[in-house]
Structure formats: structure tokens, C-alpha cells
């Protein structure tokens, strides 16, 4: 009977951990509307995305720029 309790606790903790990880990924993904670009400033490089991307707090900074998208696609 004790083994069932331990297995149940492990299963519940694993479920909670997976749900927390998925919620974090959802919270850090930013979409950009059409015609704008998402500029992600990282530690060593700058990334420009036209559809969306992950922005990790403290490591990255984000900025949506309409003019950049116009110049790059022209």
C-alpha cells in the first residue's frame, strides 16, 4: 500500500512540473503581427523575427519595430 502512495505522489509531481514548464514556455513566446518585426537582443547576438519568438527575461530584451520589417522585405 505504501508503494502506491509513493507512485501516486511521483506521478502528481511529474504532472505539476510538466504543466509549469508548458506555462512558462507559453508566457515567454511573443507573436508579432504582420508587417512588424520582433527584435530580440541577446547576450551575444541580435535576432530579428517576423512571426514570433521566445524572449527569456533577464537574458533578452524585445522590441517590435514596424520600420525594420518594411526595410528588410523591400
Protein backbone atom coordinates (compact mmCIF):
# COMPACT_ATOMS: atom_id res chain seq x y z
CA UNK A 1 0.00 0.00 0.00
CA UNK A 2 2.90 2.38 0.74
CA UNK A 3 4.32 1.88 -2.74
CA UNK A 4 1.03 3.06 -4.29
CA UNK A 5 1.19 6.29 -2.29
CA UNK A 6 4.79 6.92 -3.38
CA UNK A 7 3.96 6.21 -7.03
CA UNK A 8 0.93 8.49 -6.82
CA UNK A 9 2.97 11.34 -5.34
CA UNK A 10 5.64 10.94 -8.03
CA UNK A 11 3.03 10.97 -10.80
CA UNK A 12 1.35 14.09 -9.41
CA UNK A 13 4.68 15.90 -9.01
CA UNK A 14 5.70 14.99 -12.56
CA UNK A 15 2.38 16.30 -13.89
CA UNK A 16 2.73 19.56 -11.97
CA UNK A 17 6.31 20.01 -13.21
CA UNK A 18 5.32 19.41 -16.85
CA UNK A 19 2.37 21.82 -16.61
CA UNK A 20 4.58 24.52 -15.06
CA UNK A 21 7.16 24.10 -17.83
CA UNK A 22 4.48 24.39 -20.54
CA UNK A 23 3.01 27.51 -18.91
CA UNK A 24 6.46 29.10 -18.78
CA UNK A 25 7.03 28.42 -22.47
CA UNK A 26 3.62 29.89 -23.29
CA UNK A 27 4.35 33.00 -21.22
CA UNK A 28 7.71 33.68 -22.90
CA UNK A 29 6.56 33.29 -26.52
CA UNK A 30 5.64 36.56 -28.22
CA UNK A 31 3.87 36.77 -31.57
CA UNK A 32 4.26 39.71 -33.92
CA UNK A 33 1.50 40.97 -36.14
CA UNK A 34 2.03 41.02 -39.88
CA UNK A 35 4.13 43.92 -41.12
CA UNK A 36 6.19 44.21 -37.93
CA UNK A 37 9.44 42.62 -36.80
CA UNK A 38 10.41 41.34 -33.36
CA UNK A 39 13.94 42.33 -32.39
CA UNK A 40 15.40 40.14 -29.65
CA UNK A 41 18.60 41.45 -28.07
CA UNK A 42 20.52 38.56 -26.55
CA UNK A 43 23.80 38.30 -24.69
CA UNK A 44 25.97 37.91 -27.78
CA UNK A 45 23.71 38.43 -30.80
CA UNK A 46 20.61 40.19 -32.10
CA UNK A 47 17.84 38.17 -33.71
CA UNK A 48 15.13 39.58 -35.96
CA UNK A 49 11.93 37.53 -36.24
CA UNK A 50 8.93 38.23 -38.45
CA UNK A 51 6.46 35.79 -36.90
CA UNK A 52 7.36 35.45 -33.22
CA UNK A 53 9.91 34.02 -30.86
CA UNK A 54 10.90 33.16 -27.33
CA UNK A 55 12.09 36.02 -25.14
CA UNK A 56 13.70 34.91 -21.89
CA UNK A 57 13.50 37.55 -19.13
CA UNK A 58 16.80 38.94 -17.80
CA UNK A 59 18.69 37.40 -20.76
CA UNK A 60 16.79 39.01 -23.66
CA UNK A 61 15.03 42.28 -24.39
CA UNK A 62 12.32 42.60 -27.00
CA UNK A 63 11.14 45.37 -29.27
CA UNK A 64 8.57 45.34 -32.06
CA UNK A 65 9.53 47.60 -34.94
CA UNK A 66 7.36 48.36 -37.94
CA UNK A 67 10.01 50.26 -39.91
CA UNK A 68 12.56 47.43 -39.80
CA UNK A 69 10.13 44.95 -41.31
CA UNK A 70 9.44 47.35 -44.18
CA UNK A 71 13.13 47.91 -44.95
CA UNK A 72 14.16 44.26 -44.76
CA UNK A 73 11.36 42.96 -47.01
CA UNK A 74 11.75 45.71 -49.65
